[in-house]
Amino acid sequence: MDAEKQVLRILDEVLSLNGRSAGFDRDTALLGAIPELDSMAVVSLITALEEQLGLTVDDDEIDGATFASVGSLADFVAGKLAS
């Protein structure tokens, strides 16, 4: 399964979007655009990505740009999965 599909599935689950993420694409804005994605949700999202995909995310790897859009988050996850 590609990183974007994984990210959308985990976003939907963590943020309780009830399937809304199915309408998202790479250009869908996240941080600041989706009310459910607040600072606490970002922490939950990172935890879910780590647990479900076997990633390790260091604090210094994360900034607002990572969560700017579905595409930026998917690219980050793809990079982590490839390393």
PDB file of N, CA and C in Angstrom:
ATOM      1  N   MET A   1       0.857  -1.187   0.000  1.00  0.00           N
ATOM      2  CA  MET A   1       0.000   0.000   0.000  1.00  0.00           C
ATOM      3  C   MET A   1       0.897   1.241   0.000  1.00  0.00           C
ATOM      4  N   ASP A   2       0.554   2.217  -0.813  1.00  0.00           N
ATOM      5  CA  ASP A   2       1.435   3.385  -0.894  1.00  0.00           C
ATOM      6  C   ASP A   2       1.253   4.305   0.316  1.00  0.00           C
ATOM      7  N   ALA A   3       2.247   5.144   0.497  1.00  0.00           N
ATOM      8  CA  ALA A   3       2.301   6.012   1.678  1.00  0.00           C
ATOM      9  C   ALA A   3       1.080   6.915   1.775  1.00  0.00           C
ATOM     10  N   GLU A   4       0.622   7.418   0.638  1.00  0.00           N
ATOM     11  CA  GLU A   4      -0.520   8.333   0.669  1.00  0.00           C
ATOM     12  C   GLU A   4      -1.775   7.623   1.192  1.00  0.00           C
ATOM     13  N   LYS A   5      -2.011   6.394   0.743  1.00  0.00           N
ATOM     14  CA  LYS A   5      -3.176   5.638   1.224  1.00  0.00           C
ATOM     15  C   LYS A   5      -3.049   5.344   2.716  1.00  0.00           C
ATOM     16  N   GLN A   6      -1.843   5.007   3.149  1.00  0.00           N
ATOM     17  CA  GLN A   6      -1.613   4.746   4.567  1.00  0.00           C
ATOM     18  C   GLN A   6      -1.898   6.006   5.387  1.00  0.00           C
ATOM     19  N   VAL A   7      -1.380   7.132   4.919  1.00  0.00           N
ATOM     20  CA  VAL A   7      -1.573   8.409   5.619  1.00  0.00           C
ATOM     21  C   VAL A   7      -3.065   8.749   5.700  1.00  0.00           C
ATOM     22  N   LEU A   8      -3.790   8.590   4.603  1.00  0.00           N
ATOM     23  CA  LEU A   8      -5.222   8.906   4.604  1.00  0.00           C
ATOM     24  C   LEU A   8      -5.981   8.003   5.569  1.00  0.00           C
ATOM     25  N   ARG A   9      -5.634   6.725   5.591  1.00  0.00           N
ATOM     26  CA  ARG A   9      -6.302   5.778   6.489  1.00  0.00           C
ATOM     27  C   ARG A   9      -6.042   6.163   7.947  1.00  0.00           C
ATOM     28  N   ILE A  10      -4.795   6.470   8.262  1.00  0.00           N
ATOM     29  CA  ILE A  10      -4.438   6.812   9.648  1.00  0.00           C
ATOM     30  C   ILE A  10      -5.025   8.172  10.041  1.00  0.00           C
ATOM     31  N   LEU A  11      -5.013   9.135   9.125  1.00  0.00           N
ATOM     32  CA  LEU A  11      -5.653  10.430   9.396  1.00  0.00           C
ATOM     33  C   LEU A  11      -7.125  10.221   9.749  1.00  0.00           C
ATOM     34  N   ASP A  12      -7.806   9.438   8.937  1.00  0.00           N
ATOM     35  CA  ASP A  12      -9.231   9.209   9.152  1.00  0.00           C
ATOM     36  C   ASP A  12      -9.481   8.575  10.519  1.00  0.00           C
ATOM     37  N   GLU A  13      -8.636   7.609  10.860  1.00  0.00           N
ATOM     38  CA  GLU A  13      -8.772   6.888  12.126  1.00  0.00           C
ATOM     39  C   GLU A  13      -8.461   7.787  13.325  1.00  0.00           C
ATOM     40  N   VAL A  14      -7.311   8.449  13.303  1.00  0.00           N
ATOM     41  CA  VAL A  14      -6.859   9.248  14.444  1.00  0.00           C
ATOM     42  C   VAL A  14      -7.756  10.466  14.671  1.00  0.00           C
ATOM     43  N   LEU A  15      -8.181  11.099  13.584  1.00  0.00           N
ATOM     44  CA  LEU A  15      -8.978  12.324  13.706  1.00  0.00           C
ATOM     45  C   LEU A  15     -10.481  12.058  13.723  1.00  0.00           C
ATOM     46  N   SER A  16     -10.870  10.782  13.671  1.00  0.00           N
ATOM     47  CA  SER A  16     -12.297  10.407  13.650  1.00  0.00           C
ATOM     48  C   SER A  16     -13.051  11.164  12.557  1.00  0.00           C
ATOM     49  N   LEU A  17     -12.532  11.091  11.336  1.00  0.00           N
ATOM     50  CA  LEU A  17     -13.123  11.829  10.216  1.00  0.00           C
ATOM     51  C   LEU A  17     -14.281  11.076   9.570  1.00  0.00           C
ATOM     52  N   ASN A  18     -14.524   9.856  10.002  1.00  0.00           N
ATOM     53  CA  ASN A  18     -15.649   9.066   9.490  1.00  0.00           C
ATOM     54  C   ASN A  18     -15.685   8.976   7.971  1.00  0.00           C
ATOM     55  N   GLY A  19     -14.520   8.740   7.384  1.00  0.00           N
ATOM     56  CA  GLY A  19     -14.450   8.556   5.940  1.00  0.00           C
ATOM     57  C   GLY A  19     -14.215   9.816   5.134  1.00  0.00           C
ATOM     58  N   ARG A  20     -14.182  10.981   5.795  1.00  0.00           N
ATOM     59  CA  ARG A  20     -13.977  12.243   5.047  1.00  0.00           C
ATOM     60  C   ARG A  20     -12.656  12.255   4.291  1.00  0.00           C
ATOM     61  N   SER A  21     -11.653  11.520   4.804  1.00  0.00           N
ATOM     62  CA  SER A  21     -10.346  11.553   4.138  1.00  0.00           C
ATOM     63  C   SER A  21     -10.397  10.924   2.748  1.00  0.00           C
ATOM     64  N   ALA A  22     -11.446  10.164   2.446  1.00  0.00           N
ATOM     65  CA  ALA A  22     -11.581   9.568   1.107  1.00  0.00           C
ATOM     66  C   ALA A  22     -11.664  10.653   0.028  1.00  0.00           C
ATOM     67  N   GLY A  23     -12.104  11.844   0.412  1.00  0.00           N
ATOM     68  CA  GLY A  23     -12.200  12.951  -0.531  1.00  0.00           C
ATOM     69  C   GLY A  23     -10.947  13.806  -0.611  1.00  0.00           C
ATOM     70  N   PHE A  24      -9.930  13.443   0.166  1.00  0.00           N
ATOM     71  CA  PHE A  24      -8.687  14.216   0.193  1.00  0.00           C
ATOM     72  C   PHE A  24      -7.771  13.774  -0.942  1.00  0.00           C
ATOM     73  N   ASP A  25      -6.940  14.700  -1.426  1.00  0.00           N
ATOM     74  CA  ASP A  25      -5.879  14.336  -2.366  1.00  0.00           C
ATOM     75  C   ASP A  25      -4.576  14.969  -1.885  1.00  0.00           C
ATOM     76  N   ARG A  26      -3.531  14.843  -2.687  1.00  0.00           N
ATOM     77  CA  ARG A  26      -2.197  15.327  -2.270  1.00  0.00           C
ATOM     78  C   ARG A  26      -2.209  16.811  -1.910  1.00  0.00           C
ATOM     79  N   ASP A  27      -3.094  17.568  -2.545  1.00  0.00           N
ATOM     80  CA  ASP A  27      -3.119  19.018  -2.344  1.00  0.00           C
ATOM     81  C   ASP A  27      -4.022  19.458  -1.195  1.00  0.00           C
ATOM     82  N   THR A  28      -4.689  18.508  -0.550  1.00  0.00           N
ATOM     83  CA  THR A  28      -5.586  18.858   0.553  1.00  0.00           C
ATOM     84  C   THR A  28      -4.767  19.408   1.724  1.00  0.00           C
ATOM     85  N   ALA A  29      -5.085  20.632   2.128  1.00  0.00           N
ATOM     86  CA  ALA A  29      -4.386  21.252   3.256  1.00  0.00           C
ATOM     87  C   ALA A  29      -4.797  20.567   4.547  1.00  0.00           C
ATOM     88  N   LEU A  30      -3.843  20.404   5.453  1.00  0.00           N
ATOM     89  CA  LEU A  30      -4.117  19.751   6.730  1.00  0.00           C
ATOM     90  C   LEU A  30      -4.053  20.734   7.879  1.00  0.00           C
ATOM     91  N   LEU A  31      -2.847  21.048   8.338  1.00  0.00           N
ATOM     92  CA  LEU A  31      -2.666  21.891   9.518  1.00  0.00           C
ATOM     93  C   LEU A  31      -3.259  23.269   9.264  1.00  0.00           C
ATOM     94  N   GLY A  32      -4.185  23.672  10.112  1.00  0.00           N
ATOM     95  CA  GLY A  32      -4.841  24.967   9.954  1.00  0.00           C
ATOM     96  C   GLY A  32      -6.086  24.908   9.092  1.00  0.00           C
ATOM     97  N   ALA A  33      -6.267  23.799   8.374  1.00  0.00           N
ATOM     98  CA  ALA A  33      -7.426  23.686   7.481  1.00  0.00           C
ATOM     99  C   ALA A  33      -8.448  22.679   8.000  1.00  0.00           C
ATOM    100  N   ILE A  34      -7.983  21.689   8.734  1.00  0.00           N
ATOM    101  CA  ILE A  34      -8.879  20.674   9.290  1.00  0.00           C
ATOM    102  C   ILE A  34      -8.963  20.920  10.792  1.00  0.00           C
ATOM    103  N   PRO A  35     -10.143  21.316  11.279  1.00  0.00           N
ATOM    104  CA  PRO A  35     -10.277  21.675  12.698  1.00  0.00           C
ATOM    105  C   PRO A  35      -9.851  20.553  13.651  1.00  0.00           C
ATOM    106  N   GLU A  36     -10.043  19.299  13.219  1.00  0.00           N
ATOM    107  CA  GLU A  36      -9.690  18.174  14.083  1.00  0.00           C
ATOM    108  C   GLU A  36      -8.178  18.033  14.292  1.00  0.00           C
ATOM    109  N   LEU A  37      -7.385  18.614  13.374  1.00  0.00           N
ATOM    110  CA  LEU A  37      -5.931  18.465  13.462  1.00  0.00           C
ATOM    111  C   LEU A  37      -5.343  19.619  14.273  1.00  0.00           C
ATOM    112  N   ASP A  38      -5.394  19.470  15.601  1.00  0.00           N
ATOM    113  CA  ASP A  38      -4.780  20.452  16.491  1.00  0.00           C
ATOM    114  C   ASP A  38      -3.455  19.883  17.005  1.00  0.00           C
ATOM    115  N   SER A  39      -2.809  20.601  17.901  1.00  0.00           N
ATOM    116  CA  SER A  39      -1.485  20.164  18.357  1.00  0.00           C
ATOM    117  C   SER A  39      -1.514  18.801  19.041  1.00  0.00           C
ATOM    118  N   MET A  40      -2.573  18.530  19.780  1.00  0.00           N
ATOM    119  CA  MET A  40      -2.677  17.214  20.427  1.00  0.00           C
ATOM    120  C   MET A  40      -2.900  16.115  19.386  1.00  0.00           C
ATOM    121  N   ALA A  41      -3.672  16.416  18.360  1.00  0.00           N
ATOM    122  CA  ALA A  41      -3.924  15.433  17.310  1.00  0.00           C
ATOM    123  C   ALA A  41      -2.655  15.136  16.521  1.00  0.00           C
ATOM    124  N   VAL A  42      -1.784  16.133  16.349  1.00  0.00           N
ATOM    125  CA  VAL A  42      -0.511  15.906  15.663  1.00  0.00           C
ATOM    126  C   VAL A  42       0.302  14.860  16.418  1.00  0.00           C
ATOM    127  N   VAL A  43       0.337  14.971  17.745  1.00  0.00           N
ATOM    128  CA  VAL A  43       1.063  14.000  18.568  1.00  0.00           C
ATOM    129  C   VAL A  43       0.450  12.604  18.394  1.00  0.00           C
ATOM    130  N   SER A  44      -0.869  12.518  18.441  1.00  0.00           N
ATOM    131  CA  SER A  44      -1.552  11.236  18.251  1.00  0.00           C
ATOM    132  C   SER A  44      -1.284  10.662  16.863  1.00  0.00           C
ATOM    133  N   LEU A  45      -1.255  11.535  15.879  1.00  0.00           N
ATOM    134  CA  LEU A  45      -1.007  11.114  14.498  1.00  0.00           C
ATOM    135  C   LEU A  45       0.406  10.546  14.351  1.00  0.00           C
ATOM    136  N   ILE A  46       1.382  11.237  14.918  1.00  0.00           N
ATOM    137  CA  ILE A  46       2.766  10.750  14.865  1.00  0.00           C
ATOM    138  C   ILE A  46       2.865   9.387  15.554  1.00  0.00           C
ATOM    139  N   THR A  47       2.237   9.257  16.718  1.00  0.00           N
ATOM    140  CA  THR A  47       2.252   7.989  17.447  1.00  0.00           C
ATOM    141  C   THR A  47       1.645   6.876  16.601  1.00  0.00           C
ATOM    142  N   ALA A  48       0.504   7.153  15.962  1.00  0.00           N
ATOM    143  CA  ALA A  48      -0.160   6.148  15.129  1.00  0.00           C
ATOM    144  C   ALA A  48       0.705   5.761  13.934  1.00  0.00           C
ATOM    145  N   LEU A  49       1.345   6.734  13.304  1.00  0.00           N
ATOM    146  CA  LEU A  49       2.237   6.440  12.174  1.00  0.00           C
ATOM    147  C   LEU A  49       3.378   5.538  12.630  1.00  0.00           C
ATOM    148  N   GLU A  50       3.948   5.853  13.785  1.00  0.00           N
ATOM    149  CA  GLU A  50       5.055   5.050  14.314  1.00  0.00           C
ATOM    150  C   GLU A  50       4.598   3.624  14.613  1.00  0.00           C
ATOM    151  N   GLU A  51       3.467   3.501  15.302  1.00  0.00           N
ATOM    152  CA  GLU A  51       2.992   2.179  15.712  1.00  0.00           C
ATOM    153  C   GLU A  51       2.529   1.337  14.533  1.00  0.00           C
ATOM    154  N   GLN A  52       1.773   1.934  13.623  1.00  0.00           N
ATOM    155  CA  GLN A  52       1.174   1.157  12.547  1.00  0.00           C
ATOM    156  C   GLN A  52       2.114   0.898  11.376  1.00  0.00           C
ATOM    157  N   LEU A  53       3.072   1.785  11.174  1.00  0.00           N
ATOM    158  CA  LEU A  53       3.959   1.641  10.018  1.00  0.00           C
ATOM    159  C   LEU A  53       5.383   1.281  10.417  1.00  0.00           C
ATOM    160  N   GLY A  54       5.639   1.188  11.726  1.00  0.00           N
ATOM    161  CA  GLY A  54       6.965   0.818  12.189  1.00  0.00           C
ATOM    162  C   GLY A  54       8.007   1.905  11.978  1.00  0.00           C
ATOM    163  N   LEU A  55       7.576   3.157  11.992  1.00  0.00           N
ATOM    164  CA  LEU A  55       8.495   4.285  11.808  1.00  0.00           C
ATOM    165  C   LEU A  55       9.023   4.765  13.145  1.00  0.00           C
ATOM    166  N   THR A  56      10.143   5.457  13.104  1.00  0.00           N
ATOM    167  CA  THR A  56      10.613   6.209  14.254  1.00  0.00           C
ATOM    168  C   THR A  56      10.752   7.649  13.799  1.00  0.00           C
ATOM    169  N   VAL A  57      10.036   8.541  14.467  1.00  0.00           N
ATOM    170  CA  VAL A  57      10.056   9.956  14.100  1.00  0.00           C
ATOM    171  C   VAL A  57      10.707  10.730  15.229  1.00  0.00           C
ATOM    172  N   ASP A  58      11.818  11.379  14.928  1.00  0.00           N
ATOM    173  CA  ASP A  58      12.501  12.196  15.924  1.00  0.00           C
ATOM    174  C   ASP A  58      11.872  13.583  15.966  1.00  0.00           C
ATOM    175  N   ASP A  59      11.882  14.192  17.160  1.00  0.00           N
ATOM    176  CA  ASP A  59      11.275  15.516  17.328  1.00  0.00           C
ATOM    177  C   ASP A  59      11.819  16.540  16.347  1.00  0.00           C
ATOM    178  N   ASP A  60      13.117  16.464  16.054  1.00  0.00           N
ATOM    179  CA  ASP A  60      13.716  17.476  15.171  1.00  0.00           C
ATOM    180  C   ASP A  60      13.379  17.248  13.693  1.00  0.00           C
ATOM    181  N   GLU A  61      12.683  16.171  13.372  1.00  0.00           N
ATOM    182  CA  GLU A  61      12.276  15.920  11.988  1.00  0.00           C
ATOM    183  C   GLU A  61      10.934  16.568  11.666  1.00  0.00           C
ATOM    184  N   ILE A  62      10.235  16.994  12.690  1.00  0.00           N
ATOM    185  CA  ILE A  62       8.863  17.469  12.518  1.00  0.00           C
ATOM    186  C   ILE A  62       8.809  18.988  12.529  1.00  0.00           C
ATOM    187  N   ASP A  63       8.136  19.538  11.532  1.00  0.00           N
ATOM    188  CA  ASP A  63       7.806  20.964  11.576  1.00  0.00           C
ATOM    189  C   ASP A  63       6.455  21.142  10.886  1.00  0.00           C
ATOM    190  N   GLY A  64       5.952  22.345  10.904  1.00  0.00           N
ATOM    191  CA  GLY A  64       4.639  22.604  10.334  1.00  0.00           C
ATOM    192  C   GLY A  64       4.535  22.204   8.872  1.00  0.00           C
ATOM    193  N   ALA A  65       5.629  22.328   8.128  1.00  0.00           N
ATOM    194  CA  ALA A  65       5.609  21.996   6.700  1.00  0.00           C
ATOM    195  C   ALA A  65       5.296  20.522   6.468  1.00  0.00           C
ATOM    196  N   THR A  66       5.709  19.665   7.390  1.00  0.00           N
ATOM    197  CA  THR A  66       5.441  18.226   7.269  1.00  0.00           C
ATOM    198  C   THR A  66       3.940  17.970   7.226  1.00  0.00           C
ATOM    199  N   PHE A  67       3.181  18.757   8.005  1.00  0.00           N
ATOM    200  CA  PHE A  67       1.739  18.564   8.115  1.00  0.00           C
ATOM    201  C   PHE A  67       0.942  19.587   7.306  1.00  0.00           C
ATOM    202  N   ALA A  68       1.596  20.252   6.357  1.00  0.00           N
ATOM    203  CA  ALA A  68       0.915  21.286   5.571  1.00  0.00           C
ATOM    204  C   ALA A  68      -0.176  20.698   4.684  1.00  0.00           C
ATOM    205  N   SER A  69       0.095  19.541   4.079  1.00  0.00           N
ATOM    206  CA  SER A  69      -0.868  18.936   3.165  1.00  0.00           C
ATOM    207  C   SER A  69      -0.753  17.417   3.219  1.00  0.00           C
ATOM    208  N   VAL A  70      -1.715  16.756   2.622  1.00  0.00           N
ATOM    209  CA  VAL A  70      -1.656  15.292   2.532  1.00  0.00           C
ATOM    210  C   VAL A  70      -0.374  14.880   1.812  1.00  0.00           C
ATOM    211  N   GLY A  71      -0.040  15.591   0.736  1.00  0.00           N
ATOM    212  CA  GLY A  71       1.154  15.258  -0.044  1.00  0.00           C
ATOM    213  C   GLY A  71       2.437  15.399   0.750  1.00  0.00           C
ATOM    214  N   SER A  72       2.564  16.491   1.521  1.00  0.00           N
ATOM    215  CA  SER A  72       3.802  16.688   2.288  1.00  0.00           C
ATOM    216  C   SER A  72       3.947  15.621   3.366  1.00  0.00           C
ATOM    217  N   LEU A  73       2.833  15.235   3.988  1.00  0.00           N
ATOM    218  CA  LEU A  73       2.883  14.195   5.013  1.00  0.00           C
ATOM    219  C   LEU A  73       3.170  12.835   4.375  1.00  0.00           C
ATOM    220  N   ALA A  74       2.534  12.552   3.231  1.00  0.00           N
ATOM    221  CA  ALA A  74       2.778  11.285   2.530  1.00  0.00           C
ATOM    222  C   ALA A  74       4.231  11.185   2.077  1.00  0.00           C
ATOM    223  N   ASP A  75       4.799  12.291   1.592  1.00  0.00           N
ATOM    224  CA  ASP A  75       6.205  12.290   1.163  1.00  0.00           C
ATOM    225  C   ASP A  75       7.128  12.029   2.350  1.00  0.00           C
ATOM    226  N   PHE A  76       6.813  12.628   3.493  1.00  0.00           N
ATOM    227  CA  PHE A  76       7.593  12.401   4.700  1.00  0.00           C
ATOM    228  C   PHE A  76       7.547  10.927   5.085  1.00  0.00           C
ATOM    229  N   VAL A  77       6.344  10.357   5.097  1.00  0.00           N
ATOM    230  CA  VAL A  77       6.178   8.936   5.456  1.00  0.00           C
ATOM    231  C   VAL A  77       6.895   8.037   4.454  1.00  0.00           C
ATOM    232  N   ALA A  78       6.776   8.342   3.176  1.00  0.00           N
ATOM    233  CA  ALA A  78       7.444   7.539   2.130  1.00  0.00           C
ATOM    234  C   ALA A  78       8.954   7.562   2.335  1.00  0.00           C
ATOM    235  N   GLY A  79       9.480   8.736   2.674  1.00  0.00           N
ATOM    236  CA  GLY A  79      10.905   8.866   2.937  1.00  0.00           C
ATOM    237  C   GLY A  79      11.336   8.042   4.129  1.00  0.00           C
ATOM    238  N   LYS A  80      10.511   8.030   5.171  1.00  0.00           N
ATOM    239  CA  LYS A  80      10.803   7.243   6.378  1.00  0.00           C
ATOM    240  C   LYS A  80      10.747   5.752   6.071  1.00  0.00           C
ATOM    241  N   LEU A  81       9.772   5.338   5.279  1.00  0.00           N
ATOM    242  CA  LEU A  81       9.617   3.913   4.937  1.00  0.00           C
ATOM    243  C   LEU A  81      10.770   3.428   4.069  1.00  0.00           C
ATOM    244  N   ALA A  82      11.297   4.328   3.252  1.00  0.00           N
ATOM    245  CA  ALA A  82      12.383   3.950   2.332  1.00  0.00           C
ATOM    246  C   ALA A  82      13.733   3.853   3.039  1.00  0.00           C
ATOM    247  N   SER A  83      13.869   4.529   4.181  1.00  0.00           N
ATOM    248  CA  SER A  83      15.182   4.552   4.846  1.00  0.00           C
ATOM    249  C   SER A  83      15.379   3.382   5.785  1.00  0.00           C
TER     250      SER A  83
END
